Amino acid sequence: MNFNLTQIPERTVKPRQSGITMVMDKGLSIEEAKNLMSVGHPHIDVVKLGFGTAFVTPNLKEKLAVYRSFDMPVYFGGTLFEAFLIRNQFDDYIEVCKEFGVSYMEVSDGSITIPHSEKCGYIEKLSKHGVVLSEVGSKDAAHIIPPYKWIELMTAELSAGAAYVIAEAREAGNVGIYRGSGEVREGLVQEILTKVPAEKILWEAPQKAQQLYFLELIGCNVNLGNIAPSEIIALEAMRIGLRGDTFELYLDK
C-alpha cells in the first residue's frame, strides 16, 4: 500500500485461497490487457474470457501471453465449454485448453441441460488437467432453483473435484442468486451458507450494490466474480473500507 492507515482489515495475500477477485474480460485488446495488468494485477486473482469470446478474439495467444507474464490465471467462459459439449467435442475442448496453456476450466450448464451426474463426471475428468470452477444456476430467469437444490448441486460438484463453485448471475447480475432487478435473493444466499463453506463459493457480483451486500455479509475476503476491468481498484478500496459504502465497516466503535 502507498501509505500507512490504521484499522484496515487484513486482506489475504496472493496466491489467495479466499478473498478472490475474478475479472471478466469481454474482449479487451492486447494493449488494454497490458494496461489492466499494470494497475490491477495485485488485486486480481483470475481472469475469465467471457462466454464464447475466446473463439473470436484476434491474437488470442498473444493476449494470453500478456496475462501469463503477470502469472495471472485465465479461463474460458462456461458458455464456450457448453458450446463444445453440445457439439460432442469434449475431448477437443481439453485439447484447446492445452494448446492455449489454459489450466483453469469452467464447467457450467446455464445454456444447455446436462444430467447432473454427467456434469460431475466432466468436473472429475477436467480436474485431472487443471483447476475446475463449476457454475451452479441457470441463465434462464424463469428457471428458479430452490435453496435445497443449490446446496445439493454445489456440494456434489465440490466433491467431484471443483476447486470453487460459482453462483450464477450472468454478466448483468439479474438471474440466479439475484432477482431480475438485481436485488440479492437474501434467503437463498444465507441458506446456501449454512451448508457450503463461504471460501468455496465465488459469487458473481457485477453490480456495486451486490458487491457491498457480500462484503457486509461475509467480510473483506469474500470471493467475488464478473467484476468489470474498470472496477478493480474501486472494488479493492471498497473491500477495505476506503469507499463511502464501507467507510465505517471496520472502524473501532
C-alpha atoms as a PDB file:
ATOM      1  CA  MET A   1       0.000   0.000   0.000  1.00  0.00           C
ATOM      2  CA  ASN A   2       1.145   3.551  -0.612  1.00  0.00           C
ATOM      3  CA  PHE A   3       0.981   4.871   2.965  1.00  0.00           C
ATOM      4  CA  ASN A   4       0.033   3.836   6.484  1.00  0.00           C
ATOM      5  CA  LEU A   5      -3.558   3.736   7.725  1.00  0.00           C
ATOM      6  CA  THR A   6      -4.720   2.003  10.877  1.00  0.00           C
ATOM      7  CA  GLN A   7      -7.915  -0.041  11.177  1.00  0.00           C
ATOM      8  CA  ILE A   8      -7.615  -1.523   7.714  1.00  0.00           C
ATOM      9  CA  PRO A   9      -8.888  -5.118   7.597  1.00  0.00           C
ATOM     10  CA  GLU A  10      -6.360  -7.790   6.742  1.00  0.00           C
ATOM     11  CA  ARG A  11      -6.678  -8.971   3.169  1.00  0.00           C
ATOM     12  CA  THR A  12      -5.449 -12.404   2.218  1.00  0.00           C
ATOM     13  CA  VAL A  13      -2.336 -12.284   0.057  1.00  0.00           C
ATOM     14  CA  LYS A  14      -1.716 -13.810  -3.353  1.00  0.00           C
ATOM     15  CA  PRO A  15      -1.847 -16.611  -4.222  1.00  0.00           C
ATOM     16  CA  ARG A  16      -5.152 -16.413  -2.344  1.00  0.00           C
ATOM     17  CA  GLN A  17      -7.448 -19.282  -1.437  1.00  0.00           C
ATOM     18  CA  SER A  18     -10.184 -16.858  -0.408  1.00  0.00           C
ATOM     19  CA  GLY A  19     -10.811 -13.177  -0.988  1.00  0.00           C
ATOM     20  CA  ILE A  20     -10.582 -13.875  -4.717  1.00  0.00           C
ATOM     21  CA  THR A  21     -11.479 -11.306  -7.351  1.00  0.00           C
ATOM     22  CA  MET A  22     -12.368 -12.677 -10.764  1.00  0.00           C
ATOM     23  CA  VAL A  23     -12.415 -10.186 -13.639  1.00  0.00           C
ATOM     24  CA  MET A  24     -14.477 -10.658 -16.775  1.00  0.00           C
ATOM     25  CA  ASP A  25     -12.615  -9.778 -19.943  1.00  0.00           C
ATOM     26  CA  LYS A  26     -15.267  -9.461 -22.665  1.00  0.00           C
ATOM     27  CA  GLY A  27     -12.868  -8.531 -25.430  1.00  0.00           C
ATOM     28  CA  LEU A  28     -10.010  -6.370 -24.207  1.00  0.00           C
ATOM     29  CA  SER A  29      -7.296  -5.679 -26.730  1.00  0.00           C
ATOM     30  CA  ILE A  30      -3.722  -6.735 -26.052  1.00  0.00           C
ATOM     31  CA  GLU A  31      -2.846  -3.172 -25.040  1.00  0.00           C
ATOM     32  CA  GLU A  32      -5.905  -2.961 -22.797  1.00  0.00           C
ATOM     33  CA  ALA A  33      -4.916  -6.243 -21.152  1.00  0.00           C
ATOM     34  CA  LYS A  34      -1.444  -4.798 -20.513  1.00  0.00           C
ATOM     35  CA  ASN A  35      -2.999  -1.665 -19.024  1.00  0.00           C
ATOM     36  CA  LEU A  36      -5.321  -3.742 -16.830  1.00  0.00           C
ATOM     37  CA  MET A  37      -2.423  -5.789 -15.509  1.00  0.00           C
ATOM     38  CA  SER A  38      -0.244  -2.731 -14.923  1.00  0.00           C
ATOM     39  CA  VAL A  39      -2.655  -1.401 -12.307  1.00  0.00           C
ATOM     40  CA  GLY A  40      -4.831  -4.370 -11.383  1.00  0.00           C
ATOM     41  CA  HIS A  41      -2.599  -7.419 -11.110  1.00  0.00           C
ATOM     42  CA  PRO A  42      -2.054  -7.161  -7.307  1.00  0.00           C
ATOM     43  CA  HIS A  43      -5.821  -7.243  -6.799  1.00  0.00           C
ATOM     44  CA  ILE A  44      -6.936  -9.698  -9.499  1.00  0.00           C
ATOM     45  CA  ASP A  45      -6.706 -13.443  -8.928  1.00  0.00           C
ATOM     46  CA  VAL A  46      -8.129 -14.846 -12.134  1.00  0.00           C
ATOM     47  CA  VAL A  47      -9.398 -13.515 -15.470  1.00  0.00           C
ATOM     48  CA  LYS A  48     -12.333 -15.023 -17.353  1.00  0.00           C
ATOM     49  CA  LEU A  49     -12.611 -14.545 -21.096  1.00  0.00           C
ATOM     50  CA  GLY A  50     -16.380 -14.103 -21.005  1.00  0.00           C
ATOM     51  CA  PHE A  51     -18.831 -16.541 -22.586  1.00  0.00           C
ATOM     52  CA  GLY A  52     -17.517 -17.530 -26.062  1.00  0.00           C
ATOM     53  CA  THR A  53     -15.322 -14.507 -26.754  1.00  0.00           C
ATOM     54  CA  ALA A  54     -12.154 -16.621 -26.864  1.00  0.00           C
ATOM     55  CA  PHE A  55     -13.342 -18.086 -30.181  1.00  0.00           C
ATOM     56  CA  VAL A  56     -13.458 -14.707 -31.933  1.00  0.00           C
ATOM     57  CA  THR A  57     -10.694 -12.809 -30.111  1.00  0.00           C
ATOM     58  CA  PRO A  58      -7.910 -11.812 -32.534  1.00  0.00           C
ATOM     59  CA  ASN A  59      -4.347 -12.651 -31.460  1.00  0.00           C
ATOM     60  CA  LEU A  60      -5.635 -14.789 -28.596  1.00  0.00           C
ATOM     61  CA  LYS A  61      -2.300 -16.443 -27.853  1.00  0.00           C
ATOM     62  CA  GLU A  62      -0.584 -13.062 -27.666  1.00  0.00           C
ATOM     63  CA  LYS A  63      -3.182 -11.769 -25.222  1.00  0.00           C
ATOM     64  CA  LEU A  64      -2.899 -14.866 -23.081  1.00  0.00           C
ATOM     65  CA  ALA A  65       0.871 -14.324 -23.054  1.00  0.00           C
ATOM     66  CA  VAL A  66       0.291 -10.883 -21.526  1.00  0.00           C
ATOM     67  CA  TYR A  67      -1.689 -12.384 -18.670  1.00  0.00           C
ATOM     68  CA  ARG A  68       0.827 -15.188 -18.293  1.00  0.00           C
ATOM     69  CA  SER A  69       3.680 -12.675 -17.968  1.00  0.00           C
ATOM     70  CA  PHE A  70       1.952 -11.485 -14.786  1.00  0.00           C
ATOM     71  CA  ASP A  71       1.353 -15.066 -13.558  1.00  0.00           C
ATOM     72  CA  MET A  72      -2.362 -14.411 -13.996  1.00  0.00           C
ATOM     73  CA  PRO A  73      -4.578 -17.494 -14.410  1.00  0.00           C
ATOM     74  CA  VAL A  74      -7.081 -17.240 -17.260  1.00  0.00           C
ATOM     75  CA  TYR A  75     -10.026 -19.411 -18.197  1.00  0.00           C
ATOM     76  CA  PHE A  76     -12.598 -19.564 -20.955  1.00  0.00           C
ATOM     77  CA  GLY A  77     -16.209 -18.761 -20.081  1.00  0.00           C
ATOM     78  CA  GLY A  78     -18.525 -21.647 -19.318  1.00  0.00           C
ATOM     79  CA  THR A  79     -20.586 -20.918 -22.425  1.00  0.00           C
ATOM     80  CA  LEU A  80     -17.610 -21.995 -24.547  1.00  0.00           C
ATOM     81  CA  PHE A  81     -17.396 -25.276 -22.619  1.00  0.00           C
ATOM     82  CA  GLU A  82     -21.104 -25.812 -23.292  1.00  0.00           C
ATOM     83  CA  ALA A  83     -20.634 -24.974 -26.984  1.00  0.00           C
ATOM     84  CA  PHE A  84     -18.002 -27.705 -27.283  1.00  0.00           C
ATOM     85  CA  LEU A  85     -20.106 -30.144 -25.279  1.00  0.00           C
ATOM     86  CA  ILE A  86     -23.323 -29.765 -27.269  1.00  0.00           C
ATOM     87  CA  ARG A  87     -21.295 -30.450 -30.444  1.00  0.00           C
ATOM     88  CA  ASN A  88     -19.855 -33.646 -28.932  1.00  0.00           C
ATOM     89  CA  GLN A  89     -16.382 -32.062 -28.812  1.00  0.00           C
ATOM     90  CA  PHE A  90     -15.461 -32.512 -25.154  1.00  0.00           C
ATOM     91  CA  ASP A  91     -12.072 -34.014 -25.987  1.00  0.00           C
ATOM     92  CA  ASP A  92     -11.455 -31.132 -28.390  1.00  0.00           C
ATOM     93  CA  TYR A  93     -12.142 -28.713 -25.513  1.00  0.00           C
ATOM     94  CA  ILE A  94      -9.411 -30.354 -23.453  1.00  0.00           C
ATOM     95  CA  GLU A  95      -7.001 -30.108 -26.382  1.00  0.00           C
ATOM     96  CA  VAL A  96      -7.832 -26.430 -26.939  1.00  0.00           C
ATOM     97  CA  CYS A  97      -7.116 -25.676 -23.266  1.00  0.00           C
ATOM     98  CA  LYS A  98      -3.783 -27.478 -23.576  1.00  0.00           C
ATOM     99  CA  GLU A  99      -2.899 -25.738 -26.842  1.00  0.00           C
ATOM    100  CA  PHE A 100      -3.545 -22.293 -25.361  1.00  0.00           C
ATOM    101  CA  GLY A 101      -1.935 -23.054 -22.000  1.00  0.00           C
ATOM    102  CA  VAL A 102      -5.196 -22.593 -20.101  1.00  0.00           C
ATOM    103  CA  SER A 103      -5.132 -24.612 -16.879  1.00  0.00           C
ATOM    104  CA  TYR A 104      -8.296 -23.202 -15.306  1.00  0.00           C
ATOM    105  CA  MET A 105     -11.584 -24.516 -16.704  1.00  0.00           C
ATOM    106  CA  GLU A 106     -15.208 -23.645 -16.071  1.00  0.00           C
ATOM    107  CA  VAL A 107     -17.911 -26.304 -16.194  1.00  0.00           C
ATOM    108  CA  SER A 108     -21.412 -24.906 -16.491  1.00  0.00           C
ATOM    109  CA  ASP A 109     -24.876 -25.873 -17.672  1.00  0.00           C
ATOM    110  CA  GLY A 110     -26.513 -22.470 -17.825  1.00  0.00           C
ATOM    111  CA  SER A 111     -27.405 -22.672 -21.516  1.00  0.00           C
ATOM    112  CA  ILE A 112     -27.848 -26.413 -22.044  1.00  0.00           C
ATOM    113  CA  THR A 113     -29.297 -29.226 -19.963  1.00  0.00           C
ATOM    114  CA  ILE A 114     -26.794 -31.758 -18.661  1.00  0.00           C
ATOM    115  CA  PRO A 115     -27.788 -34.568 -16.260  1.00  0.00           C
ATOM    116  CA  HIS A 116     -26.096 -33.654 -13.009  1.00  0.00           C
ATOM    117  CA  SER A 117     -24.231 -36.931 -12.642  1.00  0.00           C
ATOM    118  CA  GLU A 118     -22.820 -36.325 -16.129  1.00  0.00           C
ATOM    119  CA  LYS A 119     -21.805 -32.764 -15.218  1.00  0.00           C
ATOM    120  CA  CYS A 120     -19.975 -34.084 -12.161  1.00  0.00           C
ATOM    121  CA  GLY A 121     -18.242 -36.572 -14.442  1.00  0.00           C
ATOM    122  CA  TYR A 122     -16.926 -33.725 -16.600  1.00  0.00           C
ATOM    123  CA  ILE A 123     -15.712 -31.930 -13.472  1.00  0.00           C
ATOM    124  CA  GLU A 124     -13.884 -35.055 -12.353  1.00  0.00           C
ATOM    125  CA  LYS A 125     -12.255 -35.539 -15.768  1.00  0.00           C
ATOM    126  CA  LEU A 126     -11.188 -31.902 -16.125  1.00  0.00           C
ATOM    127  CA  SER A 127      -9.825 -31.748 -12.570  1.00  0.00           C
ATOM    128  CA  LYS A 128      -7.108 -34.128 -13.773  1.00  0.00           C
ATOM    129  CA  HIS A 129      -5.972 -31.432 -16.236  1.00  0.00           C
ATOM    130  CA  GLY A 130      -6.180 -28.315 -14.057  1.00  0.00           C
ATOM    131  CA  VAL A 131      -8.269 -26.199 -11.712  1.00  0.00           C
ATOM    132  CA  VAL A 132     -12.022 -26.532 -12.212  1.00  0.00           C
ATOM    133  CA  LEU A 133     -14.580 -23.885 -11.373  1.00  0.00           C
ATOM    134  CA  SER A 134     -18.127 -25.171 -11.697  1.00  0.00           C
ATOM    135  CA  GLU A 135     -21.074 -22.865 -12.127  1.00  0.00           C
ATOM    136  CA  VAL A 136     -24.417 -23.513 -10.472  1.00  0.00           C
ATOM    137  CA  GLY A 137     -27.594 -21.758 -11.581  1.00  0.00           C
ATOM    138  CA  SER A 138     -29.471 -21.153 -14.807  1.00  0.00           C
ATOM    139  CA  LYS A 139     -29.191 -18.218 -17.191  1.00  0.00           C
ATOM    140  CA  ASP A 140     -32.963 -18.520 -17.668  1.00  0.00           C
ATOM    141  CA  ALA A 141     -34.637 -16.071 -15.267  1.00  0.00           C
ATOM    142  CA  ALA A 142     -37.804 -18.173 -15.331  1.00  0.00           C
ATOM    143  CA  HIS A 143     -35.939 -21.229 -14.017  1.00  0.00           C
ATOM    144  CA  ILE A 144     -35.969 -20.831 -10.236  1.00  0.00           C
ATOM    145  CA  ILE A 145     -33.864 -23.358  -8.327  1.00  0.00           C
ATOM    146  CA  PRO A 146     -34.928 -23.888  -4.675  1.00  0.00           C
ATOM    147  CA  PRO A 147     -32.279 -23.387  -1.982  1.00  0.00           C
ATOM    148  CA  TYR A 148     -32.002 -27.061  -1.029  1.00  0.00           C
ATOM    149  CA  LYS A 149     -31.195 -27.856  -4.678  1.00  0.00           C
ATOM    150  CA  TRP A 150     -28.476 -25.175  -4.867  1.00  0.00           C
ATOM    151  CA  ILE A 151     -26.888 -26.761  -1.784  1.00  0.00           C
ATOM    152  CA  GLU A 152     -27.187 -30.260  -3.210  1.00  0.00           C
ATOM    153  CA  LEU A 153     -25.659 -29.262  -6.555  1.00  0.00           C
ATOM    154  CA  MET A 154     -22.822 -27.222  -5.034  1.00  0.00           C
ATOM    155  CA  THR A 155     -21.896 -29.941  -2.556  1.00  0.00           C
ATOM    156  CA  ALA A 156     -21.822 -32.620  -5.240  1.00  0.00           C
ATOM    157  CA  GLU A 157     -19.705 -30.511  -7.594  1.00  0.00           C
ATOM    158  CA  LEU A 158     -17.155 -29.719  -4.908  1.00  0.00           C
ATOM    159  CA  SER A 159     -16.995 -33.432  -4.101  1.00  0.00           C
ATOM    160  CA  ALA A 160     -16.452 -34.186  -7.802  1.00  0.00           C
ATOM    161  CA  GLY A 161     -13.310 -32.049  -7.799  1.00  0.00           C
ATOM    162  CA  ALA A 162     -14.307 -28.425  -8.347  1.00  0.00           C
ATOM    163  CA  ALA A 163     -11.962 -26.035  -6.558  1.00  0.00           C
ATOM    164  CA  TYR A 164     -14.781 -23.473  -6.329  1.00  0.00           C
ATOM    165  CA  VAL A 165     -18.440 -23.336  -7.193  1.00  0.00           C
ATOM    166  CA  ILE A 166     -19.636 -20.202  -8.964  1.00  0.00           C
ATOM    167  CA  ALA A 167     -23.042 -18.803  -8.048  1.00  0.00           C
ATOM    168  CA  GLU A 168     -24.567 -17.813 -11.390  1.00  0.00           C
ATOM    169  CA  ALA A 169     -25.660 -14.230 -12.011  1.00  0.00           C
ATOM    170  CA  ARG A 170     -24.771 -13.601 -15.671  1.00  0.00           C
ATOM    171  CA  GLU A 171     -22.733 -10.573 -16.649  1.00  0.00           C
ATOM    172  CA  ALA A 172     -25.616  -8.227 -15.776  1.00  0.00           C
ATOM    173  CA  GLY A 173     -26.319  -9.674 -12.317  1.00  0.00           C
ATOM    174  CA  ASN A 174     -30.021 -10.280 -12.845  1.00  0.00           C
ATOM    175  CA  VAL A 175     -30.573 -14.057 -12.662  1.00  0.00           C
ATOM    176  CA  GLY A 176     -29.599 -16.936 -10.377  1.00  0.00           C
ATOM    177  CA  ILE A 177     -28.825 -15.555  -6.925  1.00  0.00           C
ATOM    178  CA  TYR A 178     -30.429 -12.242  -7.930  1.00  0.00           C
ATOM    179  CA  ARG A 179     -33.898 -11.148  -8.899  1.00  0.00           C
ATOM    180  CA  GLY A 180     -34.476  -9.511 -12.268  1.00  0.00           C
ATOM    181  CA  SER A 181     -33.993  -6.117 -10.601  1.00  0.00           C
ATOM    182  CA  GLY A 182     -30.509  -7.115  -9.436  1.00  0.00           C
ATOM    183  CA  GLU A 183     -31.661  -7.460  -5.822  1.00  0.00           C
ATOM    184  CA  VAL A 184     -29.981 -10.272  -3.885  1.00  0.00           C
ATOM    185  CA  ARG A 185     -32.141 -13.286  -3.063  1.00  0.00           C
ATOM    186  CA  GLU A 186     -31.014 -12.999   0.556  1.00  0.00           C
ATOM    187  CA  GLY A 187     -32.848 -16.034   1.884  1.00  0.00           C
ATOM    188  CA  LEU A 188     -31.250 -18.200  -0.796  1.00  0.00           C
ATOM    189  CA  VAL A 189     -27.741 -16.874  -0.136  1.00  0.00           C
ATOM    190  CA  GLN A 190     -27.994 -17.283   3.614  1.00  0.00           C
ATOM    191  CA  GLU A 191     -29.393 -20.794   3.339  1.00  0.00           C
ATOM    192  CA  ILE A 192     -26.579 -21.812   0.987  1.00  0.00           C
ATOM    193  CA  LEU A 193     -24.067 -20.542   3.539  1.00  0.00           C
ATOM    194  CA  THR A 194     -25.471 -22.835   6.243  1.00  0.00           C
ATOM    195  CA  LYS A 195     -24.158 -25.833   4.293  1.00  0.00           C
ATOM    196  CA  VAL A 196     -21.498 -24.691   1.807  1.00  0.00           C
ATOM    197  CA  PRO A 197     -18.260 -23.025   3.051  1.00  0.00           C
ATOM    198  CA  ALA A 198     -18.096 -19.370   2.006  1.00  0.00           C
ATOM    199  CA  GLU A 199     -14.467 -19.727   0.942  1.00  0.00           C
ATOM    200  CA  LYS A 200     -15.520 -22.308  -1.666  1.00  0.00           C
ATOM    201  CA  ILE A 201     -18.133 -20.076  -3.340  1.00  0.00           C
ATOM    202  CA  LEU A 202     -17.352 -17.467  -5.985  1.00  0.00           C
ATOM    203  CA  TRP A 203     -20.279 -15.058  -6.044  1.00  0.00           C
ATOM    204  CA  GLU A 204     -20.834 -13.388  -9.398  1.00  0.00           C
ATOM    205  CA  ALA A 205     -21.450  -9.773  -8.399  1.00  0.00           C
ATOM    206  CA  PRO A 206     -21.076  -7.314 -11.271  1.00  0.00           C
ATOM    207  CA  GLN A 207     -23.098  -4.540  -9.590  1.00  0.00           C
ATOM    208  CA  LYS A 208     -21.736  -2.372  -6.757  1.00  0.00           C
ATOM    209  CA  ALA A 209     -24.772  -2.968  -4.536  1.00  0.00           C
ATOM    210  CA  GLN A 210     -24.255  -6.721  -4.915  1.00  0.00           C
ATOM    211  CA  GLN A 211     -20.565  -6.464  -4.030  1.00  0.00           C
ATOM    212  CA  LEU A 212     -21.477  -4.396  -0.983  1.00  0.00           C
ATOM    213  CA  TYR A 213     -24.025  -6.965   0.170  1.00  0.00           C
ATOM    214  CA  PHE A 214     -21.455  -9.763   0.196  1.00  0.00           C
ATOM    215  CA  LEU A 215     -18.765  -7.607   1.802  1.00  0.00           C
ATOM    216  CA  GLU A 216     -21.136  -6.771   4.638  1.00  0.00           C
ATOM    217  CA  LEU A 217     -22.356 -10.361   4.951  1.00  0.00           C
ATOM    218  CA  ILE A 218     -19.093 -12.303   4.676  1.00  0.00           C
ATOM    219  CA  GLY A 219     -16.303  -9.745   5.041  1.00  0.00           C
ATOM    220  CA  CYS A 220     -13.469  -8.247   3.034  1.00  0.00           C
ATOM    221  CA  ASN A 221     -12.189 -11.675   1.959  1.00  0.00           C
ATOM    222  CA  VAL A 222     -15.330 -12.833   0.187  1.00  0.00           C
ATOM    223  CA  ASN A 223     -14.834 -14.294  -3.302  1.00  0.00           C
ATOM    224  CA  LEU A 224     -16.349 -12.041  -5.974  1.00  0.00           C
ATOM    225  CA  GLY A 225     -16.587 -12.547  -9.722  1.00  0.00           C
ATOM    226  CA  ASN A 226     -17.712 -10.991 -13.005  1.00  0.00           C
ATOM    227  CA  ILE A 227     -16.031  -7.750 -11.984  1.00  0.00           C
ATOM    228  CA  ALA A 228     -15.536  -5.245 -14.793  1.00  0.00           C
ATOM    229  CA  PRO A 229     -11.892  -4.379 -15.540  1.00  0.00           C
ATOM    230  CA  SER A 230     -12.594  -0.702 -14.854  1.00  0.00           C
ATOM    231  CA  GLU A 231     -13.902  -1.515 -11.350  1.00  0.00           C
ATOM    232  CA  ILE A 232     -10.915  -3.400  -9.907  1.00  0.00           C
ATOM    233  CA  ILE A 233      -9.328  -0.575  -7.917  1.00  0.00           C
ATOM    234  CA  ALA A 234     -12.721   0.706  -6.764  1.00  0.00           C
ATOM    235  CA  LEU A 235     -13.691  -2.763  -5.537  1.00  0.00           C
ATOM    236  CA  GLU A 236     -10.423  -3.253  -3.666  1.00  0.00           C
ATOM    237  CA  ALA A 237     -10.921   0.114  -1.966  1.00  0.00           C
ATOM    238  CA  MET A 238     -14.462  -0.891  -1.019  1.00  0.00           C
ATOM    239  CA  ARG A 239     -13.230  -4.242   0.318  1.00  0.00           C
ATOM    240  CA  ILE A 240     -11.059  -2.492   2.925  1.00  0.00           C
ATOM    241  CA  GLY A 241     -13.342   0.358   3.957  1.00  0.00           C
ATOM    242  CA  LEU A 242     -11.982   3.086   1.727  1.00  0.00           C
ATOM    243  CA  ARG A 243     -15.179   3.847  -0.142  1.00  0.00           C
ATOM    244  CA  GLY A 244     -18.193   5.615   1.303  1.00  0.00           C
ATOM    245  CA  ASP A 245     -20.315   2.450   1.219  1.00  0.00           C
ATOM    246  CA  THR A 246     -17.975   0.600   3.606  1.00  0.00           C
ATOM    247  CA  PHE A 247     -16.258   3.550   5.291  1.00  0.00           C
ATOM    248  CA  GLU A 248     -17.398   2.701   8.831  1.00  0.00           C
ATOM    249  CA  LEU A 249     -17.408  -1.078   8.428  1.00  0.00           C
ATOM    250  CA  TYR A 250     -14.021  -1.676  10.059  1.00  0.00           C
ATOM    251  CA  LEU A 251     -13.596   1.382  12.294  1.00  0.00           C
ATOM    252  CA  ASP A 252     -13.481   0.927  16.066  1.00  0.00           C
ATOM    253  CA  LYS A 253     -16.794   1.993  17.519  1.00  0.00           C
END
